[in-house]
N, C-alpha and C. Protein backbone atom coordinates (compact mmCIF):
# COMPACT_ATOMS: atom_id res chain seq x y z
N MET A 1 23.54 -124.90 -33.93
CA MET A 1 23.93 -124.52 -32.60
C MET A 1 25.07 -123.51 -32.64
N GLU A 2 26.06 -123.78 -33.50
CA GLU A 2 27.18 -122.86 -33.60
C GLU A 2 26.71 -121.49 -34.06
N GLN A 3 25.66 -121.48 -34.89
CA GLN A 3 25.12 -120.21 -35.38
C GLN A 3 24.60 -119.36 -34.24
N ALA A 4 23.99 -119.99 -33.21
CA ALA A 4 23.48 -119.25 -32.06
C ALA A 4 24.63 -118.56 -31.33
N VAL A 5 25.74 -119.27 -31.17
CA VAL A 5 26.90 -118.69 -30.50
C VAL A 5 27.47 -117.54 -31.32
N GLU A 6 27.64 -117.77 -32.63
CA GLU A 6 28.19 -116.73 -33.49
C GLU A 6 27.27 -115.51 -33.53
N ALA A 7 25.97 -115.72 -33.60
CA ALA A 7 25.03 -114.60 -33.65
C ALA A 7 25.10 -113.79 -32.36
N ALA A 8 25.17 -114.46 -31.23
CA ALA A 8 25.25 -113.73 -29.96
C ALA A 8 26.53 -112.91 -29.89
N ALA A 9 27.62 -113.49 -30.32
CA ALA A 9 28.89 -112.77 -30.27
C ALA A 9 28.89 -111.58 -31.23
N ARG A 10 28.38 -111.80 -32.42
CA ARG A 10 28.39 -110.75 -33.45
C ARG A 10 27.36 -109.67 -33.16
N ASP A 11 26.11 -110.08 -32.97
CA ASP A 11 25.02 -109.12 -32.86
C ASP A 11 24.97 -108.41 -31.53
N HIS A 12 25.47 -109.02 -30.48
CA HIS A 12 25.33 -108.44 -29.15
C HIS A 12 26.66 -108.05 -28.55
N ARG A 13 27.72 -108.16 -29.36
CA ARG A 13 29.05 -107.68 -28.99
C ARG A 13 29.54 -108.24 -27.66
N PHE A 14 29.31 -109.50 -27.45
CA PHE A 14 29.84 -110.17 -26.27
C PHE A 14 30.93 -111.15 -26.70
N ALA A 15 31.85 -110.67 -27.52
CA ALA A 15 32.88 -111.54 -28.07
C ALA A 15 33.68 -112.25 -26.99
N ALA A 16 33.89 -111.60 -25.86
CA ALA A 16 34.65 -112.23 -24.77
C ALA A 16 33.91 -113.42 -24.19
N GLU A 17 32.60 -113.52 -24.46
CA GLU A 17 31.81 -114.60 -23.90
C GLU A 17 31.62 -115.77 -24.86
N VAL A 18 32.28 -115.75 -25.99
CA VAL A 18 32.08 -116.80 -26.98
C VAL A 18 32.38 -118.17 -26.39
N THR A 19 33.45 -118.28 -25.62
CA THR A 19 33.80 -119.58 -25.01
C THR A 19 32.70 -120.04 -24.08
N GLU A 20 32.19 -119.13 -23.24
CA GLU A 20 31.13 -119.49 -22.31
C GLU A 20 29.84 -119.83 -23.04
N LEU A 21 29.52 -119.09 -24.09
CA LEU A 21 28.33 -119.39 -24.88
C LEU A 21 28.46 -120.76 -25.55
N ALA A 22 29.66 -121.08 -25.99
CA ALA A 22 29.90 -122.39 -26.59
C ALA A 22 29.71 -123.49 -25.55
N GLU A 23 30.18 -123.25 -24.31
CA GLU A 23 29.99 -124.23 -23.24
C GLU A 23 28.50 -124.42 -22.92
N LEU A 24 27.76 -123.33 -22.86
CA LEU A 24 26.31 -123.42 -22.61
C LEU A 24 25.62 -124.19 -23.72
N THR A 25 26.00 -123.89 -24.96
CA THR A 25 25.41 -124.57 -26.11
C THR A 25 25.71 -126.06 -26.06
N ALA A 26 26.96 -126.41 -25.75
CA ALA A 26 27.34 -127.83 -25.69
C ALA A 26 26.57 -128.54 -24.57
N PHE A 27 26.42 -127.90 -23.43
CA PHE A 27 25.66 -128.50 -22.34
C PHE A 27 24.22 -128.76 -22.77
N CYS A 28 23.61 -127.78 -23.40
CA CYS A 28 22.21 -127.91 -23.80
C CYS A 28 22.03 -128.93 -24.92
N ALA A 29 23.05 -129.12 -25.73
CA ALA A 29 22.97 -130.10 -26.82
C ALA A 29 23.17 -131.52 -26.31
N ASP A 30 23.77 -131.65 -25.14
CA ASP A 30 24.05 -132.96 -24.56
C ASP A 30 22.83 -133.44 -23.78
N ASP A 31 22.96 -134.56 -23.12
CA ASP A 31 21.86 -135.12 -22.34
C ASP A 31 21.88 -134.68 -20.89
N GLY A 32 22.69 -133.70 -20.54
CA GLY A 32 22.79 -133.23 -19.16
C GLY A 32 21.48 -132.68 -18.65
N GLY A 33 21.34 -132.63 -17.33
CA GLY A 33 20.13 -132.11 -16.73
C GLY A 33 20.30 -130.70 -16.19
N TYR A 34 21.29 -130.52 -15.31
CA TYR A 34 21.51 -129.23 -14.64
C TYR A 34 22.93 -128.76 -14.82
N SER A 35 23.08 -127.45 -14.89
CA SER A 35 24.39 -126.81 -14.82
C SER A 35 24.22 -125.54 -14.02
N TRP A 36 25.07 -125.33 -13.05
CA TRP A 36 24.98 -124.15 -12.19
C TRP A 36 26.23 -123.31 -12.40
N TRP A 37 26.03 -122.14 -12.98
CA TRP A 37 27.14 -121.22 -13.25
C TRP A 37 27.22 -120.22 -12.11
N ARG A 38 28.40 -120.16 -11.47
CA ARG A 38 28.60 -119.25 -10.34
C ARG A 38 29.82 -118.38 -10.58
N ALA A 39 29.74 -117.17 -10.10
CA ALA A 39 30.86 -116.22 -10.12
C ALA A 39 30.50 -115.10 -9.16
N GLY A 40 31.45 -114.27 -8.87
CA GLY A 40 31.23 -113.16 -7.95
C GLY A 40 30.31 -112.10 -8.53
N PRO A 41 29.91 -111.13 -7.68
CA PRO A 41 29.05 -110.04 -8.15
C PRO A 41 29.70 -109.27 -9.30
N TRP A 42 28.90 -108.87 -10.24
CA TRP A 42 29.30 -108.07 -11.39
C TRP A 42 30.30 -108.79 -12.29
N ALA A 43 30.31 -110.11 -12.25
CA ALA A 43 31.22 -110.87 -13.10
C ALA A 43 30.67 -111.05 -14.51
N GLY A 44 29.41 -110.73 -14.72
CA GLY A 44 28.82 -110.84 -16.06
C GLY A 44 27.92 -112.04 -16.25
N LYS A 45 27.50 -112.67 -15.16
CA LYS A 45 26.64 -113.86 -15.27
C LYS A 45 25.32 -113.52 -15.96
N THR A 46 24.68 -112.44 -15.55
CA THR A 46 23.39 -112.07 -16.13
C THR A 46 23.55 -111.69 -17.60
N ALA A 47 24.61 -110.98 -17.93
CA ALA A 47 24.85 -110.62 -19.34
C ALA A 47 25.04 -111.89 -20.18
N LEU A 48 25.79 -112.84 -19.64
CA LEU A 48 26.02 -114.10 -20.35
C LEU A 48 24.71 -114.85 -20.55
N MET A 49 23.94 -115.01 -19.49
CA MET A 49 22.69 -115.77 -19.59
C MET A 49 21.68 -115.06 -20.48
N SER A 50 21.60 -113.74 -20.39
CA SER A 50 20.64 -113.03 -21.25
C SER A 50 21.07 -113.11 -22.71
N SER A 51 22.38 -113.08 -22.99
CA SER A 51 22.86 -113.26 -24.36
C SER A 51 22.48 -114.64 -24.88
N PHE A 52 22.63 -115.64 -24.03
CA PHE A 52 22.31 -117.00 -24.43
C PHE A 52 20.81 -117.16 -24.69
N VAL A 53 19.99 -116.63 -23.79
CA VAL A 53 18.53 -116.71 -23.97
C VAL A 53 18.12 -115.96 -25.23
N LEU A 54 18.71 -114.81 -25.46
CA LEU A 54 18.39 -114.04 -26.67
C LEU A 54 18.77 -114.81 -27.93
N ALA A 55 19.96 -115.42 -27.93
CA ALA A 55 20.38 -116.22 -29.09
C ALA A 55 19.44 -117.39 -29.31
N LEU A 56 19.04 -118.07 -28.22
CA LEU A 56 18.10 -119.18 -28.36
C LEU A 56 16.75 -118.69 -28.86
N SER A 57 16.31 -117.53 -28.38
CA SER A 57 15.02 -116.98 -28.81
C SER A 57 15.03 -116.64 -30.29
N GLU A 58 16.14 -116.10 -30.76
CA GLU A 58 16.23 -115.74 -32.18
C GLU A 58 16.18 -116.99 -33.06
N GLN A 59 16.91 -118.04 -32.69
CA GLN A 59 16.89 -119.25 -33.52
C GLN A 59 15.61 -120.03 -33.34
N ALA A 60 14.88 -119.80 -32.25
CA ALA A 60 13.60 -120.50 -32.03
C ALA A 60 12.56 -120.10 -33.07
N LEU A 61 12.79 -118.98 -33.74
CA LEU A 61 11.88 -118.53 -34.79
C LEU A 61 12.10 -119.28 -36.10
N GLU A 62 13.21 -120.02 -36.18
CA GLU A 62 13.51 -120.81 -37.37
C GLU A 62 12.50 -121.94 -37.50
N PRO A 63 12.31 -122.44 -38.71
CA PRO A 63 11.37 -123.55 -38.89
C PRO A 63 11.73 -124.79 -38.07
N GLN A 64 13.02 -125.03 -37.85
CA GLN A 64 13.45 -126.21 -37.09
C GLN A 64 14.45 -125.78 -36.02
N PRO A 65 14.01 -125.16 -34.92
CA PRO A 65 14.95 -124.72 -33.89
C PRO A 65 15.55 -125.93 -33.15
N TRP A 66 16.79 -125.79 -32.71
CA TRP A 66 17.41 -126.89 -31.95
C TRP A 66 17.08 -126.79 -30.48
N ALA A 67 16.67 -125.60 -30.01
CA ALA A 67 16.33 -125.43 -28.60
C ALA A 67 15.34 -124.28 -28.44
N VAL A 68 14.54 -124.38 -27.39
CA VAL A 68 13.57 -123.33 -27.04
C VAL A 68 13.83 -122.98 -25.58
N ALA A 69 13.98 -121.69 -25.29
CA ALA A 69 14.29 -121.26 -23.93
C ALA A 69 13.06 -120.72 -23.21
N VAL A 70 12.99 -121.04 -21.93
CA VAL A 70 12.10 -120.35 -21.00
C VAL A 70 13.02 -119.82 -19.90
N SER A 71 12.76 -118.61 -19.44
CA SER A 71 13.72 -118.01 -18.52
C SER A 71 13.04 -117.16 -17.47
N PHE A 72 13.79 -116.98 -16.39
CA PHE A 72 13.39 -116.06 -15.32
C PHE A 72 14.66 -115.44 -14.77
N PHE A 73 14.68 -114.12 -14.75
CA PHE A 73 15.81 -113.37 -14.23
C PHE A 73 15.38 -112.72 -12.92
N ILE A 74 15.88 -113.25 -11.81
CA ILE A 74 15.56 -112.71 -10.49
C ILE A 74 16.22 -111.34 -10.38
N THR A 75 15.41 -110.36 -9.99
CA THR A 75 15.91 -108.99 -9.89
C THR A 75 15.46 -108.41 -8.57
N GLY A 76 16.36 -108.36 -7.60
CA GLY A 76 16.05 -107.84 -6.28
C GLY A 76 15.69 -106.36 -6.29
N ARG A 77 16.14 -105.63 -7.29
CA ARG A 77 15.87 -104.18 -7.37
C ARG A 77 14.43 -103.88 -7.79
N LEU A 78 13.75 -104.87 -8.38
CA LEU A 78 12.38 -104.64 -8.85
C LEU A 78 11.41 -105.40 -7.96
N ALA A 79 10.48 -104.68 -7.40
CA ALA A 79 9.48 -105.32 -6.53
C ALA A 79 8.74 -106.41 -7.29
N GLY A 80 8.62 -107.55 -6.66
CA GLY A 80 7.86 -108.64 -7.25
C GLY A 80 8.62 -109.45 -8.28
N GLN A 81 9.90 -109.23 -8.48
CA GLN A 81 10.69 -110.00 -9.44
C GLN A 81 11.74 -110.87 -8.75
N ASP A 82 11.50 -111.16 -7.48
CA ASP A 82 12.52 -111.87 -6.72
C ASP A 82 11.93 -112.95 -5.82
N ASN A 83 10.81 -113.54 -6.27
CA ASN A 83 10.18 -114.56 -5.42
C ASN A 83 9.53 -115.66 -6.26
N ALA A 84 9.04 -116.66 -5.55
CA ALA A 84 8.48 -117.84 -6.22
C ALA A 84 7.23 -117.51 -7.04
N ALA A 85 6.41 -116.61 -6.57
CA ALA A 85 5.19 -116.26 -7.31
C ALA A 85 5.55 -115.63 -8.66
N ALA A 86 6.54 -114.75 -8.67
CA ALA A 86 6.97 -114.13 -9.93
C ALA A 86 7.58 -115.17 -10.87
N PHE A 87 8.36 -116.09 -10.31
CA PHE A 87 8.95 -117.18 -11.10
C PHE A 87 7.85 -118.00 -11.77
N THR A 88 6.86 -118.40 -10.99
CA THR A 88 5.76 -119.22 -11.52
C THR A 88 5.00 -118.46 -12.59
N ASP A 89 4.67 -117.19 -12.33
CA ASP A 89 3.93 -116.39 -13.31
C ASP A 89 4.72 -116.25 -14.62
N ALA A 90 6.00 -115.97 -14.51
CA ALA A 90 6.82 -115.79 -15.71
C ALA A 90 6.88 -117.07 -16.53
N LEU A 91 7.13 -118.17 -15.86
CA LEU A 91 7.22 -119.44 -16.58
C LEU A 91 5.89 -119.87 -17.16
N LEU A 92 4.80 -119.67 -16.41
CA LEU A 92 3.49 -120.05 -16.94
C LEU A 92 3.22 -119.36 -18.27
N GLY A 93 3.49 -118.06 -18.34
CA GLY A 93 3.26 -117.33 -19.59
C GLY A 93 4.07 -117.88 -20.75
N GLN A 94 5.34 -118.16 -20.51
CA GLN A 94 6.21 -118.66 -21.57
C GLN A 94 5.83 -120.09 -21.98
N LEU A 95 5.52 -120.92 -21.00
CA LEU A 95 5.15 -122.31 -21.31
C LEU A 95 3.81 -122.38 -22.05
N GLN A 96 2.87 -121.52 -21.67
CA GLN A 96 1.58 -121.47 -22.37
C GLN A 96 1.80 -121.07 -23.83
N GLU A 97 2.71 -120.15 -24.06
CA GLU A 97 2.98 -119.72 -25.43
C GLU A 97 3.57 -120.86 -26.26
N ILE A 98 4.49 -121.61 -25.68
CA ILE A 98 5.10 -122.74 -26.39
C ILE A 98 4.04 -123.77 -26.76
N LEU A 99 3.13 -124.03 -25.81
CA LEU A 99 2.14 -125.09 -26.00
C LEU A 99 0.84 -124.60 -26.63
N GLY A 100 0.67 -123.28 -26.73
CA GLY A 100 -0.58 -122.75 -27.27
C GLY A 100 -1.77 -123.04 -26.37
N GLN A 101 -1.54 -123.04 -25.08
CA GLN A 101 -2.59 -123.34 -24.10
C GLN A 101 -2.83 -122.15 -23.20
N GLY A 102 -4.00 -122.12 -22.60
CA GLY A 102 -4.32 -121.15 -21.58
C GLY A 102 -4.46 -121.83 -20.24
N LEU A 103 -4.71 -121.02 -19.21
CA LEU A 103 -4.93 -121.55 -17.86
C LEU A 103 -6.36 -121.27 -17.44
N PRO A 104 -6.92 -122.13 -16.63
CA PRO A 104 -8.23 -121.83 -16.05
C PRO A 104 -8.13 -120.61 -15.14
N GLU A 105 -9.21 -119.89 -15.02
CA GLU A 105 -9.25 -118.71 -14.14
C GLU A 105 -9.34 -119.12 -12.68
N GLY A 106 -8.88 -118.25 -11.80
CA GLY A 106 -9.09 -118.41 -10.37
C GLY A 106 -8.26 -119.50 -9.70
N LEU A 107 -7.12 -119.84 -10.25
CA LEU A 107 -6.28 -120.86 -9.62
C LEU A 107 -5.62 -120.30 -8.36
N THR A 108 -5.51 -121.13 -7.35
CA THR A 108 -4.79 -120.75 -6.13
C THR A 108 -3.30 -120.76 -6.44
N PRO A 109 -2.47 -120.14 -5.58
CA PRO A 109 -1.02 -120.21 -5.81
C PRO A 109 -0.51 -121.64 -5.90
N GLU A 110 -1.03 -122.53 -5.09
CA GLU A 110 -0.61 -123.93 -5.14
C GLU A 110 -1.00 -124.58 -6.47
N GLN A 111 -2.19 -124.26 -6.96
CA GLN A 111 -2.63 -124.81 -8.24
C GLN A 111 -1.80 -124.24 -9.39
N ARG A 112 -1.45 -122.95 -9.31
CA ARG A 112 -0.61 -122.33 -10.34
C ARG A 112 0.77 -123.00 -10.37
N ASP A 113 1.29 -123.30 -9.18
CA ASP A 113 2.58 -123.98 -9.10
C ASP A 113 2.49 -125.37 -9.73
N GLY A 114 1.41 -126.08 -9.44
CA GLY A 114 1.20 -127.40 -10.03
C GLY A 114 1.09 -127.32 -11.55
N GLU A 115 0.39 -126.32 -12.03
CA GLU A 115 0.27 -126.12 -13.48
C GLU A 115 1.62 -125.80 -14.11
N ARG A 116 2.43 -125.00 -13.42
CA ARG A 116 3.77 -124.69 -13.93
C ARG A 116 4.59 -125.98 -14.07
N GLN A 117 4.54 -126.83 -13.08
CA GLN A 117 5.28 -128.09 -13.13
C GLN A 117 4.77 -128.97 -14.27
N ARG A 118 3.45 -129.06 -14.41
CA ARG A 118 2.86 -129.88 -15.47
C ARG A 118 3.23 -129.34 -16.85
N LEU A 119 3.09 -128.03 -17.02
CA LEU A 119 3.39 -127.43 -18.32
C LEU A 119 4.87 -127.52 -18.66
N LEU A 120 5.74 -127.47 -17.66
CA LEU A 120 7.17 -127.62 -17.92
C LEU A 120 7.46 -129.01 -18.48
N ARG A 121 6.89 -130.02 -17.87
CA ARG A 121 7.08 -131.39 -18.38
C ARG A 121 6.47 -131.53 -19.78
N GLU A 122 5.28 -130.96 -19.96
CA GLU A 122 4.60 -131.06 -21.25
C GLU A 122 5.36 -130.31 -22.35
N ALA A 123 5.88 -129.13 -22.02
CA ALA A 123 6.64 -128.36 -23.01
C ALA A 123 7.93 -129.07 -23.38
N ALA A 124 8.57 -129.72 -22.41
CA ALA A 124 9.78 -130.48 -22.70
C ALA A 124 9.48 -131.62 -23.67
N ARG A 125 8.38 -132.34 -23.43
CA ARG A 125 7.97 -133.42 -24.34
C ARG A 125 7.62 -132.85 -25.72
N HIS A 126 6.91 -131.73 -25.73
CA HIS A 126 6.51 -131.06 -26.98
C HIS A 126 7.76 -130.72 -27.81
N CYS A 127 8.77 -130.16 -27.17
CA CYS A 127 10.00 -129.82 -27.88
C CYS A 127 10.69 -131.07 -28.40
N LYS A 128 10.77 -132.10 -27.56
CA LYS A 128 11.41 -133.35 -27.95
C LYS A 128 10.73 -133.94 -29.18
N GLU A 129 9.40 -133.94 -29.21
CA GLU A 129 8.65 -134.48 -30.34
C GLU A 129 8.93 -133.73 -31.63
N ARG A 130 9.36 -132.49 -31.53
CA ARG A 130 9.64 -131.67 -32.70
C ARG A 130 11.14 -131.60 -33.00
N GLY A 131 11.92 -132.48 -32.36
CA GLY A 131 13.35 -132.53 -32.63
C GLY A 131 14.14 -131.41 -31.97
N SER A 132 13.59 -130.82 -30.95
CA SER A 132 14.22 -129.71 -30.25
C SER A 132 14.42 -130.10 -28.79
N ARG A 133 14.82 -129.17 -27.99
CA ARG A 133 14.91 -129.39 -26.54
C ARG A 133 14.52 -128.10 -25.82
N LEU A 134 14.02 -128.27 -24.62
CA LEU A 134 13.62 -127.14 -23.79
C LEU A 134 14.79 -126.78 -22.88
N VAL A 135 15.08 -125.49 -22.77
CA VAL A 135 16.15 -125.01 -21.90
C VAL A 135 15.54 -124.05 -20.90
N LEU A 136 15.63 -124.39 -19.62
CA LEU A 136 15.14 -123.53 -18.53
C LEU A 136 16.33 -122.77 -17.97
N VAL A 137 16.26 -121.44 -18.02
CA VAL A 137 17.33 -120.58 -17.50
C VAL A 137 16.77 -119.77 -16.34
N VAL A 138 17.40 -119.91 -15.18
CA VAL A 138 17.04 -119.10 -14.00
C VAL A 138 18.32 -118.39 -13.58
N ASP A 139 18.29 -117.07 -13.64
CA ASP A 139 19.46 -116.27 -13.31
C ASP A 139 19.19 -115.44 -12.06
N GLY A 140 20.23 -115.23 -11.27
CA GLY A 140 20.13 -114.32 -10.13
C GLY A 140 19.74 -114.96 -8.83
N LEU A 141 20.04 -116.23 -8.65
CA LEU A 141 19.67 -116.89 -7.39
C LEU A 141 20.26 -116.18 -6.18
N ASP A 142 21.35 -115.43 -6.38
CA ASP A 142 21.92 -114.67 -5.28
C ASP A 142 21.02 -113.49 -4.87
N GLU A 143 20.04 -113.14 -5.71
CA GLU A 143 19.09 -112.07 -5.37
C GLU A 143 17.74 -112.60 -4.92
N ASP A 144 17.62 -113.91 -4.81
CA ASP A 144 16.39 -114.56 -4.37
C ASP A 144 16.08 -114.10 -2.94
N ARG A 145 14.93 -113.47 -2.74
CA ARG A 145 14.55 -112.94 -1.43
C ARG A 145 14.10 -114.03 -0.46
N GLY A 146 13.72 -115.16 -1.02
CA GLY A 146 13.29 -116.25 -0.15
C GLY A 146 12.02 -115.92 0.60
N PRO A 147 11.72 -116.68 1.64
CA PRO A 147 10.45 -116.54 2.35
C PRO A 147 10.41 -115.43 3.37
N THR A 148 11.39 -114.53 3.37
CA THR A 148 11.46 -113.54 4.44
C THR A 148 10.80 -112.21 4.12
N VAL A 149 10.43 -111.97 2.88
CA VAL A 149 9.92 -110.66 2.49
C VAL A 149 8.49 -110.76 1.97
N GLY A 150 7.51 -110.28 2.71
CA GLY A 150 6.13 -110.20 2.24
C GLY A 150 5.43 -111.53 2.10
N GLN A 151 4.14 -111.46 1.83
CA GLN A 151 3.38 -112.68 1.65
C GLN A 151 3.56 -113.20 0.24
N ASN A 152 3.35 -114.50 0.06
CA ASN A 152 3.53 -115.17 -1.24
C ASN A 152 4.91 -114.94 -1.82
N SER A 153 5.91 -114.84 -0.95
CA SER A 153 7.24 -114.52 -1.48
C SER A 153 8.23 -115.65 -1.25
N GLY A 154 7.77 -116.87 -1.31
CA GLY A 154 8.69 -117.99 -1.14
C GLY A 154 9.86 -117.90 -2.08
N GLU A 155 10.93 -118.57 -1.72
CA GLU A 155 12.13 -118.47 -2.53
C GLU A 155 11.95 -119.14 -3.89
N VAL A 156 12.65 -118.62 -4.89
CA VAL A 156 12.58 -119.14 -6.24
C VAL A 156 13.12 -120.57 -6.28
N ARG A 157 14.12 -120.86 -5.48
CA ARG A 157 14.70 -122.21 -5.47
C ARG A 157 13.64 -123.27 -5.14
N ALA A 158 12.69 -122.93 -4.28
CA ALA A 158 11.71 -123.93 -3.84
C ALA A 158 10.89 -124.51 -4.99
N PRO A 159 10.32 -123.70 -5.90
CA PRO A 159 9.54 -124.29 -6.99
C PRO A 159 10.37 -124.75 -8.18
N ALA A 160 11.66 -124.46 -8.19
CA ALA A 160 12.48 -124.92 -9.30
C ALA A 160 12.52 -126.45 -9.28
N PRO A 161 12.58 -127.06 -10.45
CA PRO A 161 12.55 -128.53 -10.50
C PRO A 161 13.69 -129.13 -9.68
N ARG A 162 13.35 -130.02 -8.76
CA ARG A 162 14.37 -130.67 -7.94
C ARG A 162 14.94 -131.89 -8.65
N ARG A 163 14.10 -132.54 -9.41
CA ARG A 163 14.54 -133.68 -10.21
C ARG A 163 14.61 -133.27 -11.66
N ARG A 164 15.45 -133.94 -12.37
CA ARG A 164 15.61 -133.65 -13.78
C ARG A 164 14.29 -133.85 -14.51
N VAL A 165 13.91 -132.86 -15.28
CA VAL A 165 12.74 -132.95 -16.14
C VAL A 165 13.20 -133.57 -17.45
N PRO A 166 12.65 -134.72 -17.84
CA PRO A 166 13.10 -135.33 -19.10
C PRO A 166 12.98 -134.38 -20.27
N TYR A 167 14.01 -134.37 -21.11
CA TYR A 167 14.09 -133.56 -22.33
C TYR A 167 14.25 -132.07 -22.04
N CYS A 168 14.62 -131.71 -20.81
CA CYS A 168 14.81 -130.31 -20.44
C CYS A 168 16.20 -130.13 -19.87
N ARG A 169 16.88 -129.05 -20.26
CA ARG A 169 18.16 -128.68 -19.68
C ARG A 169 17.91 -127.49 -18.78
N SER A 170 18.50 -127.48 -17.60
CA SER A 170 18.30 -126.39 -16.65
C SER A 170 19.62 -125.72 -16.33
N LEU A 171 19.62 -124.40 -16.47
CA LEU A 171 20.78 -123.58 -16.15
C LEU A 171 20.41 -122.63 -15.02
């Protein structure tokens, strides 16, 4: 775990974030369920979370990773990256990769959401069985467009797990 923090600080030159990366690592190593990091605009939240996800992704390639990350970065500047449908699509792809599974064709948005929830629970169990843990990172909730913009654009908060997913840490 300490190696992930050191690698992020060294390789990505975010030395000022070492303390925060250590806090994120400690939270994910513990039995906690949720942690919500808040700060003002341009405070570096996205840089911190992307550094953490990158560090987790790099160590996930190891034969025995301590954690596996799935992430979604809400981006209001990019069309289609700021709503529930984009969140579900992004997570489905990452969860399928972890589990080596595909999805049936022609699923409705509601069915895709149900599959995302099922695969999240399954991926968390899969990681636990391999001595690892699943870490769900959602960044940019302040850019969540919610249900006000276009069709199928429900807010990202709505499909996010409301109850703790066993063996999963959520940031």
